[in-house]
Every structure is written in C-alpha cells, then in structure tokens.
Amino acid sequence: MSSRQAVTIPVQPWFKDHHFNGMVILPAVEIMLVLAQVVRETCPQLSVQNMVSGIFPKFLAIAADCNELDVFAELEELSREKICIKLLSRIQLKKMSRMKLHAEVSFTSAAHTLTLPSAKQANDTTATISARQIYRKLVPFGSAYQSLTGTLQICKQSAYGTLRAPELQETHTVAKDLGSPFPLDGAMHAACVH
C-alpha cells in the first residue's frame, strides 16, 4: 500500500553554504530528517533511527529567492516492519507535469548492529588529508557545512576524522532522536574522499 502527501520544507539561511556547480542544493542529511519526520508522524511503530538504505539520484536545487520548498513524500509499506519513503518534486512541462525523485530511504523497526573495523584496520592508514584541503579542493561547501576538522585518515576500508556541528536552532522534531545533521554531512564528506 502506498500514499503520497505534500510536505513543505523551510529554507534555512545556512543552506546557501551547501552548493554544487553554482546551485544551492538541499543537503541529503536534511532530506533524511524531513523523511524521518514524516515516518514518525505516519508510522509510529517504526524507529526513525533505523534507516537501512538510501539513494539520492537527483539534487533538489533551491532558488535564491526561495523561502520554502513544496515537495511530496511518498510512502510505500513493504511490510509492517519496513517502509520505503521517497522525496519527490513536481516538474511542470509545457502540457503536463511529472514527478522527479530526489531521495529514497527505507526505515525498519528492526535495530541493526554496526560492525566496526578492528584495531589493526583502524591503524592501517594509507593516506591523510587536511580538512582545509578537502573543503578547498574536493568538497567546496561554505563554512556552515565544513564539519570535518583537523586531519582525515584514510584506511583501506574506512576513514577517520573529527567532526563538529555548529550550534543552530533545532529545525526538526526528530533532531532530538537523530541529532544535528552536520556531523552526518561531514561523515558523508569523509566517505566521498574515501
């Protein structure tokens, strides 16, 4: 069974620091928080902390004069314990409109255990790169989204670094469960470098 609902995303001032090829784009971690909020409201039996997969096929651009984004959340119940939720926007063509997929995330009621690398793997550094160099050359975001600090250690199967989060007002009710989106965004930057 699936359902679709309209969702309005307030555009926060710090979003302008999250850009690619001259376009301000909605951060994937913000999309994850929006979708988690919809899941909490519609499927209370699921834990918003149990995201088991996610894809982000198309950027959601934010126009310079935009104060809020009007999008859609489409939920598909895969089972009582698992749903897939998509973030869509409507694109108006000359004679018709179509839906554009920006994200698809699955939530489950089952908790998952992360497997951490062994101490030997964690000490198997193959390269290091400074956060300053990452944000100057590889991930050229503005200061609000420069959440990696110091030096990132690159290993064969992982990357290790220090993350920080600016102190901003909470914008999502699920932020109490999931925390600030900035460290997760920095973890994605580390993964991209890896």
N, C-alpha and C. Protein backbone atom coordinates (compact mmCIF):
# COMPACT_ATOMS: atom_id res chain seq x y z
N MET A 1 0.85 -1.18 0.00
CA MET A 1 0.00 0.00 0.00
C MET A 1 0.89 1.24 0.00
N SER A 2 0.56 2.25 -0.80
CA SER A 2 1.35 3.47 -0.83
C SER A 2 0.45 4.68 -0.70
N SER A 3 1.05 5.77 -0.23
CA SER A 3 0.33 7.03 -0.09
C SER A 3 1.30 8.17 -0.35
N ARG A 4 0.76 9.31 -0.73
CA ARG A 4 1.58 10.49 -1.03
C ARG A 4 1.00 11.67 -0.27
N GLN A 5 1.89 12.48 0.30
CA GLN A 5 1.44 13.68 1.00
C GLN A 5 2.35 14.86 0.68
N ALA A 6 1.76 16.05 0.70
CA ALA A 6 2.53 17.27 0.47
C ALA A 6 3.34 17.59 1.72
N VAL A 7 4.55 18.09 1.50
CA VAL A 7 5.45 18.47 2.59
C VAL A 7 6.07 19.81 2.22
N THR A 8 6.14 20.70 3.19
CA THR A 8 6.80 21.99 2.99
C THR A 8 8.08 22.01 3.81
N ILE A 9 9.19 22.31 3.16
CA ILE A 9 10.49 22.37 3.82
C ILE A 9 10.92 23.83 3.92
N PRO A 10 11.02 24.38 5.14
CA PRO A 10 11.52 25.76 5.27
C PRO A 10 12.98 25.83 4.84
N VAL A 11 13.33 26.83 4.06
CA VAL A 11 14.71 27.03 3.62
C VAL A 11 15.45 27.79 4.71
N GLN A 12 16.46 27.17 5.27
CA GLN A 12 17.24 27.78 6.35
C GLN A 12 18.37 28.62 5.76
N PRO A 13 18.78 29.70 6.45
CA PRO A 13 19.83 30.58 5.91
C PRO A 13 21.14 29.85 5.62
N TRP A 14 21.49 28.83 6.41
CA TRP A 14 22.76 28.13 6.21
C TRP A 14 22.74 27.19 5.00
N PHE A 15 21.57 26.92 4.41
CA PHE A 15 21.52 26.07 3.23
C PHE A 15 22.36 26.67 2.08
N LYS A 16 22.50 28.01 2.04
CA LYS A 16 23.24 28.65 0.95
C LYS A 16 24.71 28.22 0.92
N ASP A 17 25.22 27.68 2.03
CA ASP A 17 26.59 27.17 2.08
C ASP A 17 26.72 25.77 1.49
N HIS A 18 25.59 25.16 1.13
CA HIS A 18 25.61 23.80 0.58
C HIS A 18 25.30 23.91 -0.91
N HIS A 19 26.35 23.94 -1.73
CA HIS A 19 26.17 24.22 -3.16
C HIS A 19 27.04 23.32 -4.02
N PHE A 20 26.62 23.19 -5.27
CA PHE A 20 27.34 22.38 -6.25
C PHE A 20 27.14 23.02 -7.62
N ASN A 21 28.24 23.26 -8.34
CA ASN A 21 28.20 23.89 -9.66
C ASN A 21 27.36 25.17 -9.69
N GLY A 22 27.51 25.99 -8.66
CA GLY A 22 26.81 27.27 -8.60
C GLY A 22 25.36 27.19 -8.15
N MET A 23 24.86 25.98 -7.87
CA MET A 23 23.47 25.80 -7.40
C MET A 23 23.46 25.49 -5.92
N VAL A 24 22.57 26.16 -5.18
CA VAL A 24 22.34 25.76 -3.80
C VAL A 24 21.46 24.52 -3.84
N ILE A 25 21.87 23.48 -3.13
CA ILE A 25 21.09 22.23 -3.14
C ILE A 25 20.75 21.81 -1.71
N LEU A 26 19.60 21.20 -1.57
CA LEU A 26 19.17 20.72 -0.27
C LEU A 26 20.07 19.56 0.14
N PRO A 27 20.69 19.64 1.32
CA PRO A 27 21.58 18.56 1.76
C PRO A 27 20.84 17.23 1.94
N ALA A 28 21.51 16.15 1.59
CA ALA A 28 20.92 14.82 1.75
C ALA A 28 20.53 14.55 3.19
N VAL A 29 21.33 15.03 4.14
CA VAL A 29 21.00 14.78 5.55
C VAL A 29 19.75 15.54 5.98
N GLU A 30 19.51 16.70 5.39
CA GLU A 30 18.27 17.43 5.67
C GLU A 30 17.08 16.65 5.10
N ILE A 31 17.26 16.09 3.91
CA ILE A 31 16.21 15.26 3.31
C ILE A 31 15.91 14.08 4.22
N MET A 32 16.96 13.45 4.76
CA MET A 32 16.76 12.31 5.65
C MET A 32 15.97 12.72 6.89
N LEU A 33 16.23 13.90 7.44
CA LEU A 33 15.48 14.38 8.61
C LEU A 33 14.02 14.65 8.25
N VAL A 34 13.79 15.25 7.09
CA VAL A 34 12.40 15.51 6.65
C VAL A 34 11.65 14.19 6.51
N LEU A 35 12.27 13.21 5.85
CA LEU A 35 11.61 11.92 5.65
C LEU A 35 11.40 11.20 6.99
N ALA A 36 12.36 11.30 7.89
CA ALA A 36 12.21 10.69 9.22
C ALA A 36 11.04 11.31 9.97
N GLN A 37 10.85 12.62 9.81
CA GLN A 37 9.73 13.29 10.47
C GLN A 37 8.40 12.78 9.92
N VAL A 38 8.31 12.59 8.62
CA VAL A 38 7.09 12.05 8.01
C VAL A 38 6.84 10.63 8.52
N VAL A 39 7.90 9.83 8.59
CA VAL A 39 7.76 8.46 9.09
C VAL A 39 7.26 8.46 10.53
N ARG A 40 7.83 9.32 11.36
CA ARG A 40 7.40 9.38 12.76
C ARG A 40 5.89 9.69 12.85
N GLU A 41 5.42 10.60 12.02
CA GLU A 41 4.01 11.01 12.08
C GLU A 41 3.07 9.95 11.51
N THR A 42 3.51 9.20 10.51
CA THR A 42 2.61 8.27 9.83
C THR A 42 2.79 6.81 10.22
N CYS A 43 3.96 6.44 10.69
CA CYS A 43 4.26 5.04 11.05
C CYS A 43 4.94 4.99 12.41
N PRO A 44 4.21 5.27 13.48
CA PRO A 44 4.85 5.34 14.80
C PRO A 44 5.46 4.03 15.28
N GLN A 45 5.12 2.91 14.65
CA GLN A 45 5.70 1.63 15.05
C GLN A 45 7.16 1.49 14.61
N LEU A 46 7.60 2.34 13.69
CA LEU A 46 8.97 2.28 13.18
C LEU A 46 9.85 3.28 13.94
N SER A 47 11.11 2.95 14.06
CA SER A 47 12.07 3.85 14.69
C SER A 47 12.73 4.71 13.62
N VAL A 48 12.72 6.02 13.81
CA VAL A 48 13.36 6.90 12.83
C VAL A 48 14.88 6.73 12.85
N GLN A 49 15.40 6.06 13.84
CA GLN A 49 16.84 5.81 13.92
C GLN A 49 17.27 4.61 13.08
N ASN A 50 16.32 3.86 12.56
CA ASN A 50 16.64 2.65 11.80
C ASN A 50 16.46 2.87 10.30
N MET A 51 17.35 3.67 9.72
CA MET A 51 17.38 3.86 8.27
C MET A 51 18.31 2.79 7.74
N VAL A 52 17.81 1.95 6.82
CA VAL A 52 18.62 0.83 6.37
C VAL A 52 19.19 0.99 4.97
N SER A 53 18.68 1.93 4.20
CA SER A 53 19.25 2.19 2.88
C SER A 53 18.78 3.55 2.41
N GLY A 54 19.53 4.13 1.50
CA GLY A 54 19.14 5.42 0.96
C GLY A 54 19.85 5.69 -0.35
N ILE A 55 19.13 6.29 -1.28
CA ILE A 55 19.71 6.75 -2.54
C ILE A 55 19.25 8.18 -2.78
N PHE A 56 20.07 8.95 -3.47
CA PHE A 56 19.78 10.36 -3.74
C PHE A 56 20.09 10.64 -5.21
N PRO A 57 19.19 10.22 -6.12
CA PRO A 57 19.51 10.26 -7.55
C PRO A 57 19.55 11.65 -8.19
N LYS A 58 18.79 12.62 -7.67
CA LYS A 58 18.77 13.95 -8.29
C LYS A 58 18.83 15.01 -7.20
N PHE A 59 19.67 16.04 -7.42
CA PHE A 59 19.73 17.16 -6.49
C PHE A 59 18.39 17.89 -6.47
N LEU A 60 18.07 18.47 -5.32
CA LEU A 60 16.91 19.36 -5.20
C LEU A 60 17.47 20.77 -5.06
N ALA A 61 17.45 21.52 -6.16
CA ALA A 61 18.01 22.87 -6.18
C ALA A 61 17.09 23.83 -5.43
N ILE A 62 17.70 24.85 -4.82
CA ILE A 62 16.97 25.87 -4.08
C ILE A 62 17.26 27.21 -4.75
N ALA A 63 16.23 27.84 -5.29
CA ALA A 63 16.38 29.14 -5.95
C ALA A 63 16.76 30.20 -4.91
N ALA A 64 17.46 31.24 -5.37
CA ALA A 64 17.96 32.28 -4.47
C ALA A 64 16.86 32.97 -3.67
N ASP A 65 15.69 33.15 -4.26
CA ASP A 65 14.60 33.86 -3.59
C ASP A 65 13.61 32.93 -2.89
N CYS A 66 13.94 31.67 -2.77
CA CYS A 66 13.03 30.66 -2.23
C CYS A 66 13.06 30.65 -0.69
N ASN A 67 11.89 30.69 -0.07
CA ASN A 67 11.78 30.62 1.39
C ASN A 67 11.35 29.24 1.88
N GLU A 68 10.71 28.49 1.00
CA GLU A 68 10.30 27.13 1.36
C GLU A 68 10.16 26.30 0.08
N LEU A 69 10.37 25.01 0.27
CA LEU A 69 10.25 24.06 -0.84
C LEU A 69 8.98 23.25 -0.66
N ASP A 70 8.17 23.21 -1.69
CA ASP A 70 6.96 22.39 -1.68
C ASP A 70 7.27 21.10 -2.42
N VAL A 71 7.26 20.00 -1.68
CA VAL A 71 7.62 18.69 -2.22
C VAL A 71 6.58 17.67 -1.78
N PHE A 72 6.84 16.42 -2.11
CA PHE A 72 5.94 15.33 -1.74
C PHE A 72 6.74 14.21 -1.10
N ALA A 73 6.12 13.57 -0.12
CA ALA A 73 6.67 12.35 0.47
C ALA A 73 5.74 11.21 0.08
N GLU A 74 6.30 10.20 -0.54
CA GLU A 74 5.52 9.04 -0.96
C GLU A 74 5.98 7.82 -0.17
N LEU A 75 5.06 7.27 0.62
CA LEU A 75 5.37 6.11 1.45
C LEU A 75 4.85 4.84 0.80
N GLU A 76 5.68 3.82 0.83
CA GLU A 76 5.25 2.50 0.37
C GLU A 76 5.54 1.51 1.49
N GLU A 77 4.48 0.88 1.97
CA GLU A 77 4.64 -0.10 3.04
C GLU A 77 5.10 -1.42 2.43
N LEU A 78 6.33 -1.81 2.78
CA LEU A 78 6.89 -3.05 2.28
C LEU A 78 6.46 -4.22 3.16
N SER A 79 6.29 -3.94 4.45
CA SER A 79 5.77 -4.90 5.43
C SER A 79 5.39 -4.07 6.66
N ARG A 80 4.85 -4.72 7.67
CA ARG A 80 4.51 -3.99 8.90
C ARG A 80 5.77 -3.42 9.55
N GLU A 81 6.91 -4.07 9.29
CA GLU A 81 8.17 -3.67 9.92
C GLU A 81 9.08 -2.82 9.02
N LYS A 82 8.68 -2.57 7.77
CA LYS A 82 9.58 -1.83 6.87
C LYS A 82 8.79 -1.01 5.86
N ILE A 83 9.24 0.24 5.66
CA ILE A 83 8.65 1.09 4.63
C ILE A 83 9.75 1.73 3.80
N CYS A 84 9.39 2.13 2.62
CA CYS A 84 10.25 2.90 1.74
C CYS A 84 9.57 4.26 1.57
N ILE A 85 10.31 5.33 1.73
CA ILE A 85 9.75 6.66 1.57
C ILE A 85 10.60 7.44 0.57
N LYS A 86 9.90 8.14 -0.32
CA LYS A 86 10.57 8.89 -1.38
C LYS A 86 10.28 10.38 -1.23
N LEU A 87 11.25 11.20 -1.58
CA LEU A 87 11.04 12.64 -1.66
C LEU A 87 10.97 13.01 -3.13
N LEU A 88 9.85 13.62 -3.53
CA LEU A 88 9.58 13.95 -4.93
C LEU A 88 9.26 15.43 -5.07
N SER A 89 9.56 15.98 -6.23
CA SER A 89 9.10 17.33 -6.55
C SER A 89 8.35 17.28 -7.88
N ARG A 90 7.44 18.23 -8.06
CA ARG A 90 6.66 18.27 -9.30
C ARG A 90 7.37 19.20 -10.29
N ILE A 91 7.61 18.69 -11.47
CA ILE A 91 8.22 19.46 -12.56
C ILE A 91 7.13 19.76 -13.57
N GLN A 92 6.92 21.05 -13.87
CA GLN A 92 5.89 21.44 -14.83
C GLN A 92 6.49 21.53 -16.22
N LEU A 93 5.99 20.72 -17.13
CA LEU A 93 6.39 20.76 -18.53
C LEU A 93 5.35 21.58 -19.30
N LYS A 94 5.47 21.71 -20.61
CA LYS A 94 4.54 22.53 -21.38
C LYS A 94 3.10 22.06 -21.25
N LYS A 95 2.85 20.77 -21.43
CA LYS A 95 1.48 20.28 -21.44
C LYS A 95 1.14 19.37 -20.27
N MET A 96 2.13 19.01 -19.49
CA MET A 96 1.86 18.12 -18.37
C MET A 96 2.92 18.32 -17.30
N SER A 97 2.72 17.68 -16.18
CA SER A 97 3.73 17.72 -15.13
C SER A 97 4.19 16.29 -14.85
N ARG A 98 5.36 16.18 -14.25
CA ARG A 98 5.85 14.87 -13.86
C ARG A 98 6.53 15.00 -12.50
N MET A 99 6.72 13.86 -11.86
CA MET A 99 7.36 13.84 -10.55
C MET A 99 8.84 13.48 -10.73
N LYS A 100 9.69 14.18 -9.99
CA LYS A 100 11.13 13.95 -10.03
C LYS A 100 11.55 13.37 -8.69
N LEU A 101 12.26 12.25 -8.71
CA LEU A 101 12.72 11.57 -7.50
C LEU A 101 14.04 12.17 -7.04
N HIS A 102 14.08 12.64 -5.78
CA HIS A 102 15.30 13.21 -5.21
C HIS A 102 15.94 12.28 -4.18
N ALA A 103 15.12 11.48 -3.50
CA ALA A 103 15.66 10.59 -2.47
C ALA A 103 14.71 9.44 -2.24
N GLU A 104 15.29 8.33 -1.79
CA GLU A 104 14.51 7.16 -1.41
C GLU A 104 15.22 6.51 -0.22
N VAL A 105 14.53 6.44 0.91
CA VAL A 105 15.11 5.91 2.14
C VAL A 105 14.18 4.86 2.71
N SER A 106 14.74 3.77 3.23
CA SER A 106 13.94 2.73 3.88
C SER A 106 14.14 2.79 5.38
N PHE A 107 13.05 2.61 6.11
CA PHE A 107 13.05 2.58 7.57
C PHE A 107 12.50 1.23 8.01
N THR A 108 13.01 0.73 9.13
CA THR A 108 12.56 -0.56 9.64
C THR A 108 12.40 -0.49 11.15
N SER A 109 11.66 -1.43 11.69
CA SER A 109 11.52 -1.49 13.16
C SER A 109 12.66 -2.28 13.78
N ALA A 110 13.37 -3.06 12.97
CA ALA A 110 14.47 -3.89 13.49
C ALA A 110 15.74 -3.07 13.63
N ALA A 111 16.35 -3.14 14.81
CA ALA A 111 17.61 -2.44 15.04
C ALA A 111 18.74 -3.20 14.35
N HIS A 112 19.71 -2.46 13.83
CA HIS A 112 20.86 -3.06 13.17
C HIS A 112 22.12 -2.75 13.95
N THR A 113 23.03 -3.69 13.97
CA THR A 113 24.30 -3.50 14.66
C THR A 113 25.36 -3.17 13.63
N LEU A 114 26.10 -2.11 13.90
CA LEU A 114 27.19 -1.74 13.02
C LEU A 114 28.42 -2.57 13.36
N THR A 115 29.13 -2.99 12.35
CA THR A 115 30.38 -3.70 12.55
C THR A 115 31.51 -2.70 12.39
N LEU A 116 32.22 -2.45 13.48
CA LEU A 116 33.32 -1.51 13.45
C LEU A 116 34.60 -2.21 13.00
N PRO A 117 35.50 -1.48 12.35
CA PRO A 117 36.75 -2.10 11.93
C PRO A 117 37.57 -2.53 13.15
N SER A 118 38.41 -3.52 12.96
CA SER A 118 39.28 -3.97 14.05
C SER A 118 40.33 -2.90 14.33
N ALA A 119 41.00 -3.02 15.47
CA ALA A 119 42.06 -2.06 15.83
C ALA A 119 43.15 -2.04 14.76
N LYS A 120 43.48 -3.21 14.20
CA LYS A 120 44.51 -3.27 13.15
C LYS A 120 44.05 -2.50 11.91
N GLN A 121 42.79 -2.69 11.51
CA GLN A 121 42.26 -1.98 10.34
C GLN A 121 42.22 -0.48 10.61
N ALA A 122 41.85 -0.10 11.84
CA ALA A 122 41.75 1.31 12.19
C ALA A 122 43.11 1.99 12.16
N ASN A 123 44.18 1.24 12.41
CA ASN A 123 45.53 1.81 12.40
C ASN A 123 46.24 1.64 11.06
N ASP A 124 45.55 1.13 10.07
CA ASP A 124 46.13 0.85 8.76
C ASP A 124 45.93 2.05 7.83
N THR A 125 46.46 3.21 8.21
CA THR A 125 46.28 4.43 7.45
C THR A 125 47.09 4.38 6.16
N THR A 126 46.41 4.64 5.04
CA THR A 126 47.10 4.65 3.75
C THR A 126 47.36 6.08 3.26
N ALA A 127 46.61 7.05 3.80
CA ALA A 127 46.80 8.45 3.40
C ALA A 127 46.16 9.36 4.44
N THR A 128 46.59 10.60 4.46
CA THR A 128 45.96 11.62 5.30
C THR A 128 45.72 12.85 4.43
N ILE A 129 44.71 13.59 4.78
CA ILE A 129 44.40 14.83 4.07
C ILE A 129 43.77 15.79 5.07
N SER A 130 44.15 17.04 5.00
CA SER A 130 43.61 18.03 5.94
C SER A 130 42.19 18.42 5.54
N ALA A 131 41.39 18.71 6.54
CA ALA A 131 40.02 19.17 6.28
C ALA A 131 40.04 20.44 5.43
N ARG A 132 41.00 21.29 5.68
CA ARG A 132 41.12 22.54 4.90
C ARG A 132 41.27 22.22 3.41
N GLN A 133 42.11 21.23 3.09
CA GLN A 133 42.31 20.84 1.69
C GLN A 133 41.05 20.18 1.11
N ILE A 134 40.36 19.39 1.92
CA ILE A 134 39.12 18.74 1.47
C ILE A 134 38.11 19.80 1.04
N TYR A 135 37.93 20.84 1.88
CA TYR A 135 36.92 21.86 1.57
C TYR A 135 37.40 22.88 0.54
N ARG A 136 38.70 22.96 0.31
CA ARG A 136 39.20 23.86 -0.72
C ARG A 136 39.13 23.19 -2.10
N LYS A 137 39.41 21.86 -2.16
CA LYS A 137 39.54 21.21 -3.46
C LYS A 137 38.50 20.15 -3.77
N LEU A 138 38.04 19.39 -2.78
CA LEU A 138 37.20 18.23 -3.06
C LEU A 138 35.71 18.45 -2.77
N VAL A 139 35.40 19.12 -1.68
CA VAL A 139 34.01 19.36 -1.28
C VAL A 139 33.91 20.87 -0.99
N PRO A 140 33.76 21.70 -2.03
CA PRO A 140 33.86 23.15 -1.85
C PRO A 140 32.59 23.81 -1.30
N PHE A 141 32.18 23.41 -0.10
CA PHE A 141 30.99 23.99 0.54
C PHE A 141 31.41 25.20 1.38
N GLY A 142 30.42 26.03 1.72
CA GLY A 142 30.65 27.17 2.59
C GLY A 142 30.89 26.73 4.02
N SER A 143 31.19 27.68 4.88
CA SER A 143 31.64 27.39 6.25
C SER A 143 30.64 26.60 7.08
N ALA A 144 29.33 26.80 6.90
CA ALA A 144 28.34 26.08 7.71
C ALA A 144 28.44 24.57 7.51
N TYR A 145 28.84 24.14 6.33
CA TYR A 145 28.91 22.71 6.03
C TYR A 145 30.33 22.16 6.00
N GLN A 146 31.26 22.89 6.57
CA GLN A 146 32.63 22.39 6.69
C GLN A 146 32.76 21.74 8.07
N SER A 147 32.14 20.59 8.23
CA SER A 147 32.04 19.95 9.55
C SER A 147 33.19 19.00 9.86
N LEU A 148 34.02 18.65 8.88
CA LEU A 148 35.25 17.91 9.18
C LEU A 148 36.29 18.92 9.67
N THR A 149 37.06 18.54 10.68
CA THR A 149 38.14 19.40 11.17
C THR A 149 39.42 18.59 11.28
N GLY A 150 40.54 19.29 11.36
CA GLY A 150 41.82 18.60 11.55
C GLY A 150 42.21 17.80 10.32
N THR A 151 42.65 16.56 10.57
CA THR A 151 43.16 15.69 9.51
C THR A 151 42.29 14.44 9.39
N LEU A 152 41.94 14.09 8.17
CA LEU A 152 41.19 12.87 7.89
C LEU A 152 42.19 11.77 7.57
N GLN A 153 42.06 10.63 8.26
CA GLN A 153 42.90 9.47 7.98
C GLN A 153 42.14 8.52 7.07
N ILE A 154 42.75 8.16 5.97
CA ILE A 154 42.13 7.25 5.00
C ILE A 154 42.76 5.87 5.19
N CYS A 155 41.94 4.88 5.44
CA CYS A 155 42.39 3.50 5.57
C CYS A 155 41.80 2.70 4.41
N LYS A 156 42.16 1.44 4.32
CA LYS A 156 41.67 0.62 3.20
C LYS A 156 40.14 0.51 3.21
N GLN A 157 39.55 0.32 4.39
CA GLN A 157 38.10 0.09 4.46
C GLN A 157 37.33 1.19 5.18
N SER A 158 38.00 2.25 5.59
CA SER A 158 37.31 3.28 6.36
C SER A 158 38.08 4.59 6.32
N ALA A 159 37.48 5.60 6.91
CA ALA A 159 38.11 6.91 7.07
C ALA A 159 37.82 7.38 8.49
N TYR A 160 38.79 8.04 9.11
CA TYR A 160 38.65 8.52 10.48
C TYR A 160 38.98 9.99 10.55
N GLY A 161 38.13 10.74 11.24
CA GLY A 161 38.38 12.16 11.40
C GLY A 161 37.56 12.72 12.53
N THR A 162 37.67 14.01 12.73
CA THR A 162 36.93 14.71 13.77
C THR A 162 35.85 15.55 13.11
N LEU A 163 34.66 15.48 13.67
CA LEU A 163 33.52 16.22 13.14
C LEU A 163 33.05 17.24 14.16
N ARG A 164 32.48 18.32 13.67
CA ARG A 164 31.90 19.33 14.56
C ARG A 164 30.53 19.72 14.02
N ALA A 165 29.72 20.27 14.90
CA ALA A 165 28.40 20.74 14.49
C ALA A 165 28.22 22.16 15.01
N PRO A 166 27.82 23.09 14.15
CA PRO A 166 27.54 24.44 14.64
C PRO A 166 26.29 24.41 15.53
N GLU A 167 26.23 25.35 16.44
CA GLU A 167 25.05 25.42 17.30
C GLU A 167 24.00 26.28 16.61
N LEU A 168 22.98 25.62 16.09
CA LEU A 168 21.88 26.28 15.40
C LEU A 168 20.58 25.84 16.05
N GLN A 169 19.54 26.61 15.83
CA GLN A 169 18.25 26.22 16.39
C GLN A 169 17.80 24.91 15.76
N GLU A 170 17.13 24.07 16.55
CA GLU A 170 16.60 22.82 16.01
C GLU A 170 15.49 23.13 15.02
N THR A 171 15.52 22.47 13.88
CA THR A 171 14.51 22.73 12.86
C THR A 171 13.61 21.53 12.62
N HIS A 172 13.96 20.39 13.19
CA HIS A 172 13.17 19.17 13.00
C HIS A 172 12.88 18.57 14.37
N THR A 173 11.67 18.08 14.55
CA THR A 173 11.36 17.44 15.83
C THR A 173 12.14 16.15 16.01
N VAL A 174 12.54 15.50 14.93
CA VAL A 174 13.31 14.26 15.04
C VAL A 174 14.78 14.54 15.37
N ALA A 175 15.20 15.80 15.36
CA ALA A 175 16.59 16.12 15.68
C ALA A 175 16.94 15.67 17.10
N LYS A 176 15.95 15.61 17.98
CA LYS A 176 16.21 15.12 19.34
C LYS A 176 16.65 13.66 19.32
N ASP A 177 16.13 12.87 18.38
CA ASP A 177 16.50 11.45 18.26
C ASP A 177 17.72 11.24 17.37
N LEU A 178 17.84 12.04 16.32
CA LEU A 178 18.89 11.81 15.34
C LEU A 178 20.08 12.75 15.49
N GLY A 179 19.91 13.83 16.24
CA GLY A 179 20.99 14.78 16.42
C GLY A 179 21.10 15.76 15.27
N SER A 180 22.11 16.58 15.34
CA SER A 180 22.37 17.58 14.31
C SER A 180 22.71 16.89 12.98
N PRO A 181 22.26 17.45 11.86
CA PRO A 181 22.60 16.85 10.57
C PRO A 181 24.04 17.13 10.14
N PHE A 182 24.71 18.08 10.78
CA PHE A 182 26.05 18.49 10.32
C PHE A 182 27.12 17.41 10.48
N PRO A 183 27.21 16.69 11.62
CA PRO A 183 28.21 15.61 11.68
C PRO A 183 27.96 14.52 10.64
N LEU A 184 26.70 14.17 10.40
CA LEU A 184 26.42 13.16 9.38
C LEU A 184 26.83 13.68 8.00
N ASP A 185 26.60 14.96 7.75
CA ASP A 185 27.03 15.54 6.48
C ASP A 185 28.55 15.44 6.35
N GLY A 186 29.28 15.72 7.43
CA GLY A 186 30.73 15.59 7.42
C GLY A 186 31.18 14.15 7.21
N ALA A 187 30.43 13.20 7.79
CA ALA A 187 30.74 11.79 7.58
C ALA A 187 30.56 11.43 6.10
N MET A 188 29.56 12.03 5.45
CA MET A 188 29.38 11.80 4.02
C MET A 188 30.55 12.40 3.23
N HIS A 189 31.07 13.55 3.67
CA HIS A 189 32.23 14.14 3.01
C HIS A 189 33.42 13.19 3.13
N ALA A 190 33.63 12.64 4.33
CA ALA A 190 34.73 11.68 4.55
C ALA A 190 34.56 10.48 3.64
N ALA A 191 33.34 9.98 3.51
CA ALA A 191 33.08 8.82 2.64
C ALA A 191 33.37 9.17 1.19
N CYS A 192 33.02 10.38 0.76
CA CYS A 192 33.31 10.80 -0.61
C CYS A 192 34.81 10.84 -0.86
N VAL A 193 35.57 11.34 0.11
CA VAL A 193 37.03 11.39 -0.04
C VAL A 193 37.58 9.98 -0.08
N HIS A 194 37.03 9.10 0.76
CA HIS A 194 37.50 7.69 0.81
C HIS A 194 37.30 7.04 -0.55
